[in-house]
Amino acid sequence: MDAPLVVVDAENVRRSAWPNLSKEQLVERCRAWAQAEGARLVVVFDGAPPEDAPDLLGSGARSADDVIAALDGPFLLVSSDRGLRERVSDRADRLLGGGSFLRQLGA
């Protein structure tokens, strides 16, 4: 059985707690979590990601929401953005809020 795919709406999650995590901190913690959970990870950033890596996507001229909405499912979406959650509800197996996910990451 394939490892579950977890798609993280980076900016939404980064800003779910104060102080905000840096992009690099979010990536580091997401990767550690995914490895521990045996999950495949895609972290989607508005604009450019903090590094060029297969588990990071930048949105370029589009929004991260548009990039996520174009992904094939099934996946677990990590975002508190209600509009995005509605857009992917037909493909997302599960939805997890950004603040809840940050607590799992120990942030």
Protein backbone atom coordinates (compact mmCIF):
# COMPACT_ATOMS: atom_id res chain seq x y z
CA MET A 1 0.00 0.00 0.00
CA ASP A 2 1.28 3.46 -0.91
CA ALA A 3 2.16 5.93 1.79
CA PRO A 4 -0.52 8.59 2.21
CA LEU A 5 0.06 11.91 0.46
CA VAL A 6 -0.02 14.97 2.72
CA VAL A 7 -0.38 18.36 1.02
CA VAL A 8 0.52 21.37 3.18
CA ASP A 9 -0.71 24.89 2.38
CA ALA A 10 2.55 26.44 3.59
CA GLU A 11 1.62 30.09 4.12
CA ASN A 12 -1.67 29.20 5.78
CA VAL A 13 0.04 26.80 8.18
CA ARG A 14 3.04 29.07 8.87
CA ARG A 15 0.69 31.81 9.98
CA SER A 16 -1.49 29.60 12.18
CA ALA A 17 0.53 30.37 15.30
CA TRP A 18 2.42 33.31 16.73
CA PRO A 19 5.25 33.82 16.26
CA ASN A 20 5.03 32.60 12.66
CA LEU A 21 7.40 29.84 11.64
CA SER A 22 9.94 30.68 8.96
CA LYS A 23 9.58 28.83 5.67
CA GLU A 24 12.70 26.84 6.52
CA GLN A 25 11.41 25.88 9.98
CA LEU A 26 8.11 24.72 8.49
CA VAL A 27 9.87 22.58 5.88
CA GLU A 28 12.21 21.04 8.46
CA ARG A 29 9.37 20.16 10.83
CA CYS A 30 7.09 18.88 8.06
CA ARG A 31 9.82 16.60 6.75
CA ALA A 32 10.56 15.18 10.19
CA TRP A 33 6.84 14.59 10.79
CA ALA A 34 6.33 12.94 7.38
CA GLN A 35 9.29 10.63 7.93
CA ALA A 36 8.00 9.61 11.37
CA GLU A 37 4.48 9.06 10.00
CA GLY A 38 5.57 7.26 6.82
CA ALA A 39 3.80 9.85 4.67
CA ARG A 40 4.65 11.37 1.31
CA LEU A 41 4.84 15.14 1.61
CA VAL A 42 4.20 18.10 -0.67
CA VAL A 43 4.52 21.59 0.82
CA VAL A 44 3.07 24.26 -1.48
CA PHE A 45 4.28 27.88 -1.20
CA ASP A 46 2.93 31.08 -2.69
CA GLY A 47 5.71 32.21 -5.02
CA ALA A 48 9.02 30.40 -4.72
CA PRO A 49 9.76 27.65 -2.18
CA PRO A 50 12.75 28.18 0.15
CA GLU A 51 14.77 25.55 -1.75
CA ASP A 52 14.56 23.45 -4.88
CA ALA A 53 13.39 20.01 -3.74
CA PRO A 54 10.91 17.39 -4.96
CA ASP A 55 8.71 17.73 -1.86
CA LEU A 56 8.36 21.52 -2.25
CA LEU A 57 6.23 23.31 -4.82
CA GLY A 58 6.12 27.00 -5.60
CA SER A 59 3.08 28.57 -7.17
CA GLY A 60 4.92 30.87 -9.58
CA ALA A 61 2.46 33.47 -10.87
CA ARG A 62 -0.51 31.47 -9.56
CA SER A 63 -1.64 31.16 -5.96
CA ALA A 64 -0.73 28.17 -3.82
CA ASP A 65 -4.47 27.49 -3.56
CA ASP A 66 -4.69 27.13 -7.35
CA VAL A 67 -1.72 24.75 -7.40
CA ILE A 68 -3.24 22.62 -4.62
CA ALA A 69 -6.68 22.63 -6.27
CA ALA A 70 -5.08 21.21 -9.44
CA LEU A 71 -3.49 18.23 -7.65
CA ASP A 72 -4.89 14.75 -8.11
CA GLY A 73 -6.18 13.01 -5.02
CA PRO A 74 -6.56 11.35 -2.75
CA PHE A 75 -4.58 13.31 -0.18
CA LEU A 76 -4.71 14.78 3.30
CA LEU A 77 -4.95 18.56 3.03
CA VAL A 78 -3.40 20.63 5.79
CA SER A 79 -4.98 24.10 5.67
CA SER A 80 -7.45 26.22 7.59
CA ASP A 81 -8.54 27.99 4.39
CA ARG A 82 -12.25 27.20 4.06
CA GLY A 83 -12.39 28.17 0.39
CA LEU A 84 -9.51 25.86 -0.48
CA ARG A 85 -10.97 23.05 1.60
CA GLU A 86 -14.23 23.34 -0.37
CA ARG A 87 -12.35 23.34 -3.69
CA VAL A 88 -10.61 20.02 -2.94
CA SER A 89 -13.34 18.29 -0.93
CA ASP A 90 -13.88 15.77 -3.74
CA ARG A 91 -10.21 14.70 -3.63
CA ALA A 92 -9.16 15.18 -0.04
CA ASP A 93 -9.51 12.08 2.10
CA ARG A 94 -9.00 14.16 5.21
CA LEU A 95 -8.70 17.79 6.18
CA LEU A 96 -6.56 19.05 9.02
CA GLY A 97 -6.41 22.65 10.22
CA GLY A 98 -3.11 24.52 10.20
CA GLY A 99 -3.05 25.12 13.97
CA SER A 100 -3.80 21.47 14.72
CA PHE A 101 -1.01 20.40 12.39
CA LEU A 102 1.47 22.82 14.00
CA ARG A 103 0.66 21.29 17.39
CA GLN A 104 1.46 17.86 15.94
CA LEU A 105 4.75 19.28 14.67
CA GLY A 106 5.54 20.53 18.15
CA ALA A 107 5.53 24.15 17.01
